[in-house]
Amino acid sequence: MYRDNSLMPKEAVRLVVLGTLIQGGPLRYADLAGSVRHFLDRIMGPSLDLMGTSLEMLRYEGLIEALDGSGMEDNALLGPTDAGRAEFGTLMRANVRAPSADGLNKLVIALKLRFLHLLDVESQRDQIDNLVALCETELARLGDLKRADVGSDVGSDSHFASWLDLDIAQAEDRLAWFQGLLARL
């Protein structure tokens, strides 16, 4: 993890693998690899950073195990170990970083929401509360940028100001959605 206890790309991949197995039960090696690749490609697009973690490495580390067969060569049925379940809990409780251009933040949020129901209700509330706080911080940052832009030479008639208004509206919508989710838990 990064110093701020947020996920690195390889840990996001671990979360996809472990969450997929915990949520859906054991899967064949090829089916798991295909499912993980499909999800990651649809959220972030092709990324070399995310393709570095192999299922074999997770097996070697004792996070997943072959329930029959031995691995890729015989398309073994894979499932999470107790250590893998514990690692899943740690990864789900990791912090989310402020939005970034690389898309990792979007992936981490998508993973938290995809597997949130696998946590106890109190942990679910904690995670959503953290996402609410993240949205509030993002809105404060964008609001400060808008106030600075309005006072600049460019002013509020620029394309940037219009784009910033769109970004603020999206952040407000996300905040309201997370607050609604928190109220429903």
N, C-alpha and C. Protein backbone atom coordinates (compact mmCIF):
# COMPACT_ATOMS: atom_id res chain seq x y z
N MET A 1 0.85 -1.18 0.00
CA MET A 1 0.00 0.00 0.00
C MET A 1 0.89 1.24 0.00
N TYR A 2 0.29 2.33 -0.48
CA TYR A 2 0.98 3.61 -0.40
C TYR A 2 1.04 4.05 1.06
N ARG A 3 1.82 5.07 1.33
CA ARG A 3 1.98 5.57 2.70
C ARG A 3 0.66 5.99 3.35
N ASP A 4 -0.28 6.45 2.54
CA ASP A 4 -1.58 6.91 3.08
C ASP A 4 -2.57 5.76 3.24
N ASN A 5 -2.08 4.52 3.18
CA ASN A 5 -2.90 3.32 3.34
C ASN A 5 -3.94 3.18 2.23
N SER A 6 -3.58 3.64 1.03
CA SER A 6 -4.45 3.45 -0.13
C SER A 6 -3.81 2.39 -1.03
N LEU A 7 -4.61 1.84 -1.91
CA LEU A 7 -4.17 0.71 -2.71
C LEU A 7 -3.27 1.11 -3.88
N MET A 8 -2.25 0.29 -4.08
CA MET A 8 -1.42 0.38 -5.28
C MET A 8 -2.11 -0.46 -6.36
N PRO A 9 -1.72 -0.29 -7.63
CA PRO A 9 -2.38 -1.06 -8.69
C PRO A 9 -2.37 -2.57 -8.44
N LYS A 10 -1.27 -3.14 -8.00
CA LYS A 10 -1.23 -4.59 -7.80
C LYS A 10 -2.19 -5.02 -6.70
N GLU A 11 -2.41 -4.16 -5.72
CA GLU A 11 -3.36 -4.49 -4.65
C GLU A 11 -4.79 -4.38 -5.13
N ALA A 12 -5.05 -3.49 -6.06
CA ALA A 12 -6.38 -3.41 -6.66
C ALA A 12 -6.69 -4.70 -7.42
N VAL A 13 -5.68 -5.25 -8.10
CA VAL A 13 -5.87 -6.51 -8.81
C VAL A 13 -6.14 -7.63 -7.81
N ARG A 14 -5.41 -7.65 -6.70
CA ARG A 14 -5.65 -8.65 -5.66
C ARG A 14 -7.09 -8.58 -5.18
N LEU A 15 -7.58 -7.35 -5.00
CA LEU A 15 -8.94 -7.15 -4.53
C LEU A 15 -9.95 -7.70 -5.54
N VAL A 16 -9.70 -7.47 -6.83
CA VAL A 16 -10.60 -8.00 -7.85
C VAL A 16 -10.63 -9.53 -7.78
N VAL A 17 -9.45 -10.15 -7.72
CA VAL A 17 -9.36 -11.61 -7.70
C VAL A 17 -10.04 -12.17 -6.46
N LEU A 18 -9.65 -11.68 -5.30
CA LEU A 18 -10.19 -12.21 -4.04
C LEU A 18 -11.68 -11.95 -3.93
N GLY A 19 -12.12 -10.75 -4.26
CA GLY A 19 -13.55 -10.42 -4.19
C GLY A 19 -14.37 -11.28 -5.14
N THR A 20 -13.85 -11.50 -6.33
CA THR A 20 -14.56 -12.33 -7.31
C THR A 20 -14.74 -13.75 -6.78
N LEU A 21 -13.69 -14.31 -6.18
CA LEU A 21 -13.78 -15.67 -5.65
C LEU A 21 -14.65 -15.75 -4.40
N ILE A 22 -14.58 -14.74 -3.54
CA ILE A 22 -15.39 -14.75 -2.32
C ILE A 22 -16.86 -14.55 -2.66
N GLN A 23 -17.13 -13.67 -3.58
CA GLN A 23 -18.51 -13.37 -3.96
C GLN A 23 -19.15 -14.51 -4.75
N GLY A 24 -18.43 -15.02 -5.73
CA GLY A 24 -19.04 -15.97 -6.65
C GLY A 24 -18.67 -17.42 -6.43
N GLY A 25 -17.77 -17.68 -5.51
CA GLY A 25 -17.34 -19.06 -5.28
C GLY A 25 -16.18 -19.43 -6.18
N PRO A 26 -15.68 -20.65 -6.03
CA PRO A 26 -14.54 -21.09 -6.81
C PRO A 26 -14.78 -20.97 -8.32
N LEU A 27 -13.71 -20.65 -9.03
CA LEU A 27 -13.77 -20.53 -10.49
C LEU A 27 -12.58 -21.25 -11.11
N ARG A 28 -12.76 -21.70 -12.31
CA ARG A 28 -11.65 -22.27 -13.06
C ARG A 28 -10.64 -21.16 -13.36
N TYR A 29 -9.39 -21.55 -13.43
CA TYR A 29 -8.29 -20.61 -13.66
C TYR A 29 -8.60 -19.68 -14.84
N ALA A 30 -8.95 -20.25 -15.98
CA ALA A 30 -9.20 -19.45 -17.18
C ALA A 30 -10.40 -18.53 -17.00
N ASP A 31 -11.44 -18.99 -16.34
CA ASP A 31 -12.63 -18.17 -16.12
C ASP A 31 -12.32 -17.00 -15.18
N LEU A 32 -11.54 -17.28 -14.14
CA LEU A 32 -11.15 -16.21 -13.20
C LEU A 32 -10.28 -15.18 -13.91
N ALA A 33 -9.28 -15.64 -14.64
CA ALA A 33 -8.39 -14.71 -15.36
C ALA A 33 -9.20 -13.86 -16.35
N GLY A 34 -10.13 -14.48 -17.06
CA GLY A 34 -10.95 -13.73 -18.02
C GLY A 34 -11.86 -12.72 -17.34
N SER A 35 -12.45 -13.12 -16.22
CA SER A 35 -13.34 -12.23 -15.48
C SER A 35 -12.59 -11.01 -14.93
N VAL A 36 -11.42 -11.25 -14.37
CA VAL A 36 -10.60 -10.16 -13.82
C VAL A 36 -10.18 -9.22 -14.94
N ARG A 37 -9.68 -9.76 -16.03
CA ARG A 37 -9.23 -8.94 -17.15
C ARG A 37 -10.39 -8.11 -17.72
N HIS A 38 -11.56 -8.73 -17.87
CA HIS A 38 -12.73 -8.02 -18.40
C HIS A 38 -13.11 -6.84 -17.50
N PHE A 39 -13.19 -7.08 -16.20
CA PHE A 39 -13.58 -6.01 -15.28
C PHE A 39 -12.57 -4.86 -15.31
N LEU A 40 -11.29 -5.18 -15.21
CA LEU A 40 -10.25 -4.15 -15.19
C LEU A 40 -10.23 -3.37 -16.50
N ASP A 41 -10.36 -4.05 -17.62
CA ASP A 41 -10.35 -3.36 -18.92
C ASP A 41 -11.54 -2.43 -19.08
N ARG A 42 -12.70 -2.81 -18.54
CA ARG A 42 -13.90 -1.99 -18.70
C ARG A 42 -13.89 -0.78 -17.78
N ILE A 43 -13.25 -0.90 -16.63
CA ILE A 43 -13.19 0.24 -15.70
C ILE A 43 -12.07 1.20 -16.09
N MET A 44 -10.88 0.67 -16.39
CA MET A 44 -9.72 1.53 -16.62
C MET A 44 -9.17 1.50 -18.03
N GLY A 45 -9.57 0.53 -18.84
CA GLY A 45 -8.93 0.35 -20.12
C GLY A 45 -7.67 -0.48 -19.92
N PRO A 46 -7.05 -0.89 -21.01
CA PRO A 46 -5.84 -1.70 -20.88
C PRO A 46 -4.76 -0.94 -20.10
N SER A 47 -4.13 -1.62 -19.16
CA SER A 47 -3.12 -0.98 -18.33
C SER A 47 -2.05 -1.98 -17.97
N LEU A 48 -0.81 -1.65 -18.30
CA LEU A 48 0.31 -2.52 -17.93
C LEU A 48 0.47 -2.60 -16.42
N ASP A 49 0.16 -1.51 -15.71
CA ASP A 49 0.28 -1.51 -14.25
C ASP A 49 -0.59 -2.57 -13.60
N LEU A 50 -1.72 -2.87 -14.22
CA LEU A 50 -2.66 -3.80 -13.62
C LEU A 50 -2.46 -5.25 -14.07
N MET A 51 -1.62 -5.48 -15.02
CA MET A 51 -1.45 -6.84 -15.51
C MET A 51 -0.27 -7.55 -14.86
N GLY A 52 0.40 -6.89 -13.91
CA GLY A 52 1.60 -7.46 -13.30
C GLY A 52 1.34 -8.56 -12.28
N THR A 53 0.17 -8.64 -11.71
CA THR A 53 -0.11 -9.63 -10.68
C THR A 53 -0.71 -10.88 -11.32
N SER A 54 -0.03 -11.99 -11.16
CA SER A 54 -0.55 -13.23 -11.73
C SER A 54 -1.28 -14.04 -10.68
N LEU A 55 -2.17 -14.87 -11.16
CA LEU A 55 -2.88 -15.77 -10.24
C LEU A 55 -1.90 -16.73 -9.58
N GLU A 56 -0.85 -17.09 -10.30
CA GLU A 56 0.16 -17.99 -9.72
C GLU A 56 0.85 -17.34 -8.53
N MET A 57 1.09 -16.05 -8.60
CA MET A 57 1.72 -15.34 -7.48
C MET A 57 0.78 -15.34 -6.27
N LEU A 58 -0.49 -15.14 -6.49
CA LEU A 58 -1.44 -15.19 -5.38
C LEU A 58 -1.51 -16.59 -4.77
N ARG A 59 -1.37 -17.60 -5.60
CA ARG A 59 -1.32 -18.98 -5.09
C ARG A 59 -0.05 -19.17 -4.27
N TYR A 60 1.08 -18.71 -4.78
CA TYR A 60 2.36 -18.85 -4.09
C TYR A 60 2.32 -18.15 -2.71
N GLU A 61 1.65 -17.01 -2.66
CA GLU A 61 1.55 -16.25 -1.40
C GLU A 61 0.51 -16.83 -0.45
N GLY A 62 -0.22 -17.84 -0.90
CA GLY A 62 -1.20 -18.49 -0.03
C GLY A 62 -2.53 -17.77 0.08
N LEU A 63 -2.84 -16.89 -0.88
CA LEU A 63 -4.10 -16.14 -0.84
C LEU A 63 -5.22 -16.87 -1.57
N ILE A 64 -4.86 -17.65 -2.59
CA ILE A 64 -5.82 -18.51 -3.28
C ILE A 64 -5.19 -19.89 -3.38
N GLU A 65 -6.04 -20.89 -3.59
CA GLU A 65 -5.54 -22.25 -3.69
C GLU A 65 -6.28 -23.00 -4.78
N ALA A 66 -5.57 -23.99 -5.33
CA ALA A 66 -6.19 -24.87 -6.31
C ALA A 66 -6.98 -25.93 -5.54
N LEU A 67 -8.24 -26.05 -5.86
CA LEU A 67 -9.10 -27.01 -5.19
C LEU A 67 -9.06 -28.36 -5.91
N ASP A 68 -8.64 -28.33 -7.15
CA ASP A 68 -8.35 -29.54 -7.91
C ASP A 68 -7.29 -29.15 -8.92
N GLY A 69 -6.53 -30.06 -9.43
CA GLY A 69 -5.49 -29.72 -10.38
C GLY A 69 -4.38 -28.94 -9.72
N SER A 70 -3.57 -28.28 -10.53
CA SER A 70 -2.43 -27.57 -9.95
C SER A 70 -2.28 -26.14 -10.44
N GLY A 71 -3.01 -25.71 -11.43
CA GLY A 71 -2.86 -24.33 -11.86
C GLY A 71 -3.31 -24.09 -13.27
N MET A 72 -2.58 -23.19 -13.94
CA MET A 72 -2.95 -22.75 -15.27
C MET A 72 -2.93 -23.91 -16.27
N GLU A 73 -1.92 -24.77 -16.16
CA GLU A 73 -1.77 -25.81 -17.17
C GLU A 73 -2.93 -26.79 -17.23
N ASP A 74 -3.65 -26.98 -16.12
CA ASP A 74 -4.81 -27.89 -16.16
C ASP A 74 -6.11 -27.19 -15.77
N ASN A 75 -6.11 -25.85 -15.86
CA ASN A 75 -7.32 -25.05 -15.61
C ASN A 75 -7.96 -25.41 -14.27
N ALA A 76 -7.14 -25.38 -13.22
CA ALA A 76 -7.58 -25.77 -11.88
C ALA A 76 -8.74 -24.90 -11.39
N LEU A 77 -9.54 -25.48 -10.53
CA LEU A 77 -10.59 -24.76 -9.83
C LEU A 77 -9.93 -24.02 -8.68
N LEU A 78 -10.08 -22.69 -8.62
CA LEU A 78 -9.40 -21.87 -7.62
C LEU A 78 -10.40 -21.30 -6.62
N GLY A 79 -9.96 -21.19 -5.38
CA GLY A 79 -10.78 -20.60 -4.33
C GLY A 79 -9.90 -19.82 -3.36
N PRO A 80 -10.49 -18.95 -2.56
CA PRO A 80 -9.71 -18.17 -1.60
C PRO A 80 -9.32 -19.02 -0.38
N THR A 81 -8.19 -18.71 0.21
CA THR A 81 -7.79 -19.34 1.46
C THR A 81 -8.25 -18.45 2.61
N ASP A 82 -8.06 -18.90 3.84
CA ASP A 82 -8.37 -18.05 5.00
C ASP A 82 -7.51 -16.79 4.97
N ALA A 83 -6.23 -16.95 4.59
CA ALA A 83 -5.35 -15.78 4.47
C ALA A 83 -5.86 -14.84 3.38
N GLY A 84 -6.40 -15.40 2.29
CA GLY A 84 -6.96 -14.58 1.22
C GLY A 84 -8.19 -13.82 1.69
N ARG A 85 -9.01 -14.45 2.50
CA ARG A 85 -10.19 -13.75 3.05
C ARG A 85 -9.76 -12.61 3.98
N ALA A 86 -8.73 -12.85 4.77
CA ALA A 86 -8.22 -11.79 5.65
C ALA A 86 -7.63 -10.65 4.83
N GLU A 87 -6.88 -10.98 3.78
CA GLU A 87 -6.31 -9.96 2.90
C GLU A 87 -7.42 -9.16 2.21
N PHE A 88 -8.49 -9.83 1.80
CA PHE A 88 -9.64 -9.15 1.19
C PHE A 88 -10.17 -8.08 2.15
N GLY A 89 -10.35 -8.44 3.43
CA GLY A 89 -10.84 -7.48 4.42
C GLY A 89 -9.92 -6.29 4.56
N THR A 90 -8.62 -6.55 4.59
CA THR A 90 -7.63 -5.46 4.68
C THR A 90 -7.71 -4.55 3.47
N LEU A 91 -7.78 -5.13 2.29
CA LEU A 91 -7.84 -4.34 1.06
C LEU A 91 -9.12 -3.53 0.96
N MET A 92 -10.23 -4.12 1.39
CA MET A 92 -11.52 -3.40 1.34
C MET A 92 -11.53 -2.21 2.28
N ARG A 93 -10.77 -2.29 3.35
CA ARG A 93 -10.76 -1.22 4.34
C ARG A 93 -9.68 -0.16 4.07
N ALA A 94 -8.96 -0.31 2.98
CA ALA A 94 -7.92 0.65 2.61
C ALA A 94 -8.55 2.00 2.27
N ASN A 95 -7.76 3.03 2.42
CA ASN A 95 -8.21 4.38 2.08
C ASN A 95 -8.35 4.53 0.57
N VAL A 96 -9.12 5.52 0.16
CA VAL A 96 -9.25 5.89 -1.24
C VAL A 96 -8.55 7.23 -1.40
N ARG A 97 -7.71 7.33 -2.40
CA ARG A 97 -6.97 8.56 -2.65
C ARG A 97 -7.86 9.60 -3.33
N ALA A 98 -7.41 10.82 -3.29
CA ALA A 98 -8.09 11.88 -4.02
C ALA A 98 -8.08 11.51 -5.51
N PRO A 99 -9.07 11.99 -6.26
CA PRO A 99 -9.14 11.66 -7.68
C PRO A 99 -7.82 11.94 -8.40
N SER A 100 -7.49 11.05 -9.34
CA SER A 100 -6.27 11.21 -10.10
C SER A 100 -6.54 10.90 -11.56
N ALA A 101 -5.62 11.33 -12.40
CA ALA A 101 -5.79 11.15 -13.83
C ALA A 101 -5.58 9.70 -14.28
N ASP A 102 -4.93 8.89 -13.46
CA ASP A 102 -4.61 7.54 -13.91
C ASP A 102 -5.78 6.57 -13.82
N GLY A 103 -6.87 6.94 -13.19
CA GLY A 103 -8.05 6.09 -13.13
C GLY A 103 -8.03 5.07 -12.00
N LEU A 104 -6.92 4.96 -11.27
CA LEU A 104 -6.85 3.98 -10.19
C LEU A 104 -7.89 4.28 -9.12
N ASN A 105 -8.11 5.54 -8.82
CA ASN A 105 -9.11 5.92 -7.82
C ASN A 105 -10.50 5.41 -8.22
N LYS A 106 -10.84 5.56 -9.48
CA LYS A 106 -12.14 5.09 -9.97
C LYS A 106 -12.25 3.58 -9.82
N LEU A 107 -11.16 2.88 -10.12
CA LEU A 107 -11.13 1.42 -9.97
C LEU A 107 -11.33 1.02 -8.52
N VAL A 108 -10.64 1.67 -7.61
CA VAL A 108 -10.73 1.32 -6.19
C VAL A 108 -12.16 1.56 -5.68
N ILE A 109 -12.77 2.67 -6.05
CA ILE A 109 -14.14 2.95 -5.64
C ILE A 109 -15.09 1.90 -6.23
N ALA A 110 -14.90 1.57 -7.51
CA ALA A 110 -15.74 0.55 -8.14
C ALA A 110 -15.61 -0.79 -7.42
N LEU A 111 -14.40 -1.15 -7.02
CA LEU A 111 -14.19 -2.41 -6.31
C LEU A 111 -14.84 -2.38 -4.93
N LYS A 112 -14.71 -1.27 -4.24
CA LYS A 112 -15.34 -1.17 -2.92
C LYS A 112 -16.86 -1.34 -3.04
N LEU A 113 -17.45 -0.73 -4.04
CA LEU A 113 -18.89 -0.84 -4.22
C LEU A 113 -19.30 -2.22 -4.71
N ARG A 114 -18.47 -2.82 -5.55
CA ARG A 114 -18.78 -4.15 -6.08
C ARG A 114 -18.81 -5.21 -4.97
N PHE A 115 -17.90 -5.06 -3.99
CA PHE A 115 -17.76 -6.07 -2.95
C PHE A 115 -18.19 -5.58 -1.56
N LEU A 116 -18.79 -4.42 -1.47
CA LEU A 116 -19.16 -3.83 -0.18
C LEU A 116 -20.05 -4.76 0.63
N HIS A 117 -20.98 -5.42 -0.01
CA HIS A 117 -21.94 -6.28 0.69
C HIS A 117 -21.26 -7.47 1.38
N LEU A 118 -20.00 -7.73 1.07
CA LEU A 118 -19.28 -8.83 1.70
C LEU A 118 -18.72 -8.45 3.07
N LEU A 119 -18.80 -7.17 3.43
CA LEU A 119 -18.34 -6.70 4.74
C LEU A 119 -19.51 -6.63 5.70
N ASP A 120 -19.21 -6.61 7.00
CA ASP A 120 -20.27 -6.42 7.98
C ASP A 120 -20.82 -5.00 7.83
N VAL A 121 -22.02 -4.78 8.35
CA VAL A 121 -22.72 -3.50 8.14
C VAL A 121 -21.93 -2.32 8.68
N GLU A 122 -21.30 -2.47 9.83
CA GLU A 122 -20.52 -1.36 10.39
C GLU A 122 -19.34 -1.00 9.49
N SER A 123 -18.67 -2.00 8.95
CA SER A 123 -17.56 -1.74 8.02
C SER A 123 -18.08 -1.13 6.72
N GLN A 124 -19.26 -1.55 6.28
CA GLN A 124 -19.87 -0.93 5.10
C GLN A 124 -20.11 0.56 5.35
N ARG A 125 -20.66 0.87 6.51
CA ARG A 125 -20.91 2.28 6.85
C ARG A 125 -19.60 3.08 6.88
N ASP A 126 -18.57 2.50 7.47
CA ASP A 126 -17.27 3.18 7.54
C ASP A 126 -16.74 3.48 6.14
N GLN A 127 -16.85 2.51 5.25
CA GLN A 127 -16.34 2.70 3.89
C GLN A 127 -17.14 3.78 3.14
N ILE A 128 -18.44 3.75 3.26
CA ILE A 128 -19.27 4.76 2.59
C ILE A 128 -19.03 6.14 3.21
N ASP A 129 -18.89 6.18 4.52
CA ASP A 129 -18.59 7.45 5.20
C ASP A 129 -17.26 8.03 4.68
N ASN A 130 -16.28 7.17 4.45
CA ASN A 130 -15.00 7.62 3.89
C ASN A 130 -15.19 8.16 2.48
N LEU A 131 -16.06 7.54 1.69
CA LEU A 131 -16.32 8.02 0.34
C LEU A 131 -17.08 9.34 0.35
N VAL A 132 -17.97 9.51 1.32
CA VAL A 132 -18.66 10.80 1.49
C VAL A 132 -17.63 11.89 1.80
N ALA A 133 -16.72 11.59 2.72
CA ALA A 133 -15.68 12.57 3.07
C ALA A 133 -14.80 12.89 1.87
N LEU A 134 -14.49 11.90 1.05
CA LEU A 134 -13.69 12.11 -0.15
C LEU A 134 -14.42 13.06 -1.11
N CYS A 135 -15.73 12.87 -1.29
CA CYS A 135 -16.51 13.74 -2.16
C CYS A 135 -16.56 15.16 -1.61
N GLU A 136 -16.71 15.29 -0.30
CA GLU A 136 -16.75 16.62 0.31
C GLU A 136 -15.42 17.34 0.12
N THR A 137 -14.32 16.61 0.23
CA THR A 137 -13.00 17.20 0.01
C THR A 137 -12.84 17.62 -1.45
N GLU A 138 -13.31 16.77 -2.35
CA GLU A 138 -13.24 17.09 -3.77
C GLU A 138 -14.06 18.34 -4.09
N LEU A 139 -15.26 18.44 -3.50
CA LEU A 139 -16.08 19.63 -3.72
C LEU A 139 -15.43 20.90 -3.17
N ALA A 140 -14.79 20.78 -2.02
CA ALA A 140 -14.08 21.94 -1.46
C ALA A 140 -12.94 22.38 -2.38
N ARG A 141 -12.21 21.41 -2.90
CA ARG A 141 -11.09 21.71 -3.81
C ARG A 141 -11.61 22.37 -5.09
N LEU A 142 -12.66 21.81 -5.67
CA LEU A 142 -13.22 22.37 -6.90
C LEU A 142 -13.84 23.75 -6.66
N GLY A 143 -14.51 23.91 -5.51
CA GLY A 143 -15.08 25.21 -5.18
C GLY A 143 -14.01 26.28 -5.03
N ASP A 144 -12.91 25.92 -4.42
CA ASP A 144 -11.80 26.86 -4.28
C ASP A 144 -11.23 27.24 -5.65
N LEU A 145 -11.10 26.25 -6.52
CA LEU A 145 -10.61 26.51 -7.87
C LEU A 145 -11.57 27.42 -8.63
N LYS A 146 -12.87 27.20 -8.47
CA LYS A 146 -13.86 28.04 -9.16
C LYS A 146 -13.81 29.48 -8.65
N ARG A 147 -13.70 29.63 -7.33
CA ARG A 147 -13.61 30.99 -6.77
C ARG A 147 -12.37 31.71 -7.29
N ALA A 148 -11.27 31.00 -7.41
CA ALA A 148 -10.04 31.60 -7.93
C ALA A 148 -10.18 31.93 -9.41
N ASP A 149 -10.88 31.10 -10.16
CA ASP A 149 -11.06 31.32 -11.60
C ASP A 149 -11.96 32.52 -11.85
N VAL A 150 -13.01 32.68 -11.05
CA VAL A 150 -13.94 33.81 -11.23
C VAL A 150 -13.21 35.13 -11.01
N GLY A 151 -12.24 35.12 -10.10
CA GLY A 151 -11.49 36.35 -9.83
C GLY A 151 -10.33 36.58 -10.78
N SER A 152 -10.10 35.65 -11.70
CA SER A 152 -8.96 35.79 -12.62
C SER A 152 -9.34 36.63 -13.84
N ASP A 153 -8.35 36.84 -14.69
CA ASP A 153 -8.57 37.59 -15.93
C ASP A 153 -9.50 36.83 -16.88
N VAL A 154 -9.46 35.50 -16.82
CA VAL A 154 -10.28 34.69 -17.73
C VAL A 154 -11.74 34.82 -17.35
N GLY A 155 -12.01 34.76 -16.04
CA GLY A 155 -13.38 34.95 -15.57
C GLY A 155 -14.27 33.76 -15.81
N SER A 156 -15.54 33.93 -15.51
CA SER A 156 -16.48 32.82 -15.53
C SER A 156 -17.06 32.55 -16.92
N ASP A 157 -16.66 33.30 -17.93
CA ASP A 157 -17.17 33.05 -19.27
C ASP A 157 -16.31 32.07 -20.07
N SER A 158 -15.26 31.56 -19.46
CA SER A 158 -14.34 30.68 -20.18
C SER A 158 -14.89 29.26 -20.30
N HIS A 159 -14.35 28.51 -21.23
CA HIS A 159 -14.70 27.09 -21.36
C HIS A 159 -14.29 26.33 -20.11
N PHE A 160 -13.19 26.77 -19.50
CA PHE A 160 -12.74 26.12 -18.27
C PHE A 160 -13.78 26.26 -17.17
N ALA A 161 -14.38 27.44 -17.03
CA ALA A 161 -15.40 27.66 -16.00
C ALA A 161 -16.61 26.76 -16.25
N SER A 162 -16.98 26.61 -17.50
CA SER A 162 -18.11 25.75 -17.84
C SER A 162 -17.80 24.29 -17.51
N TRP A 163 -16.59 23.87 -17.85
CA TRP A 163 -16.17 22.50 -17.55
C TRP A 163 -16.11 22.28 -16.04
N LEU A 164 -15.62 23.29 -15.33
CA LEU A 164 -15.53 23.20 -13.87
C LEU A 164 -16.92 23.08 -13.25
N ASP A 165 -17.89 23.81 -13.78
CA ASP A 165 -19.27 23.68 -13.31
C ASP A 165 -19.79 22.26 -13.51
N LEU A 166 -19.47 21.66 -14.65
CA LEU A 166 -19.87 20.28 -14.91
C LEU A 166 -19.21 19.33 -13.90
N ASP A 167 -17.93 19.52 -13.63
CA ASP A 167 -17.21 18.68 -12.67
C ASP A 167 -17.81 18.82 -11.27
N ILE A 168 -18.14 20.04 -10.89
CA ILE A 168 -18.76 20.29 -9.58
C ILE A 168 -20.12 19.60 -9.49
N ALA A 169 -20.92 19.71 -10.54
CA ALA A 169 -22.24 19.07 -10.55
C ALA A 169 -22.10 17.55 -10.41
N GLN A 170 -21.13 16.96 -11.11
CA GLN A 170 -20.91 15.52 -11.00
C GLN A 170 -20.47 15.14 -9.58
N ALA A 171 -19.61 15.93 -8.98
CA ALA A 171 -19.16 15.66 -7.62
C ALA A 171 -20.32 15.79 -6.63
N GLU A 172 -21.19 16.77 -6.85
CA GLU A 172 -22.37 16.92 -5.99
C GLU A 172 -23.31 15.72 -6.13
N ASP A 173 -23.48 15.25 -7.36
CA ASP A 173 -24.31 14.06 -7.60
C ASP A 173 -23.72 12.83 -6.91
N ARG A 174 -22.39 12.66 -7.01
CA ARG A 174 -21.74 11.52 -6.34
C ARG A 174 -21.91 11.62 -4.82
N LEU A 175 -21.75 12.82 -4.28
CA LEU A 175 -21.91 13.02 -2.85
C LEU A 175 -23.34 12.65 -2.42
N ALA A 176 -24.32 13.13 -3.15
CA ALA A 176 -25.72 12.82 -2.81
C ALA A 176 -25.98 11.32 -2.92
N TRP A 177 -25.40 10.67 -3.92
CA TRP A 177 -25.59 9.23 -4.09
C TRP A 177 -24.98 8.47 -2.92
N PHE A 178 -23.76 8.82 -2.53
CA PHE A 178 -23.12 8.15 -1.39
C PHE A 178 -23.86 8.42 -0.09
N GLN A 179 -24.35 9.65 0.10
CA GLN A 179 -25.13 9.96 1.30
C GLN A 179 -26.42 9.14 1.33
N GLY A 180 -27.06 8.98 0.18
CA GLY A 180 -28.26 8.15 0.10
C GLY A 180 -27.96 6.70 0.41
N LEU A 181 -26.84 6.19 -0.10
CA LEU A 181 -26.43 4.82 0.18
C LEU A 181 -26.17 4.65 1.68
N LEU A 182 -25.49 5.60 2.27
CA LEU A 182 -25.21 5.54 3.71
C LEU A 182 -26.51 5.53 4.51
N ALA A 183 -27.49 6.32 4.11
CA ALA A 183 -28.78 6.36 4.81
C ALA A 183 -29.52 5.03 4.69
N ARG A 184 -29.32 4.32 3.57
CA ARG A 184 -30.02 3.04 3.37
C ARG A 184 -29.39 1.89 4.13
N LEU A 185 -28.16 2.03 4.60
CA LEU A 185 -27.49 0.93 5.31
C LEU A 185 -27.99 0.81 6.73
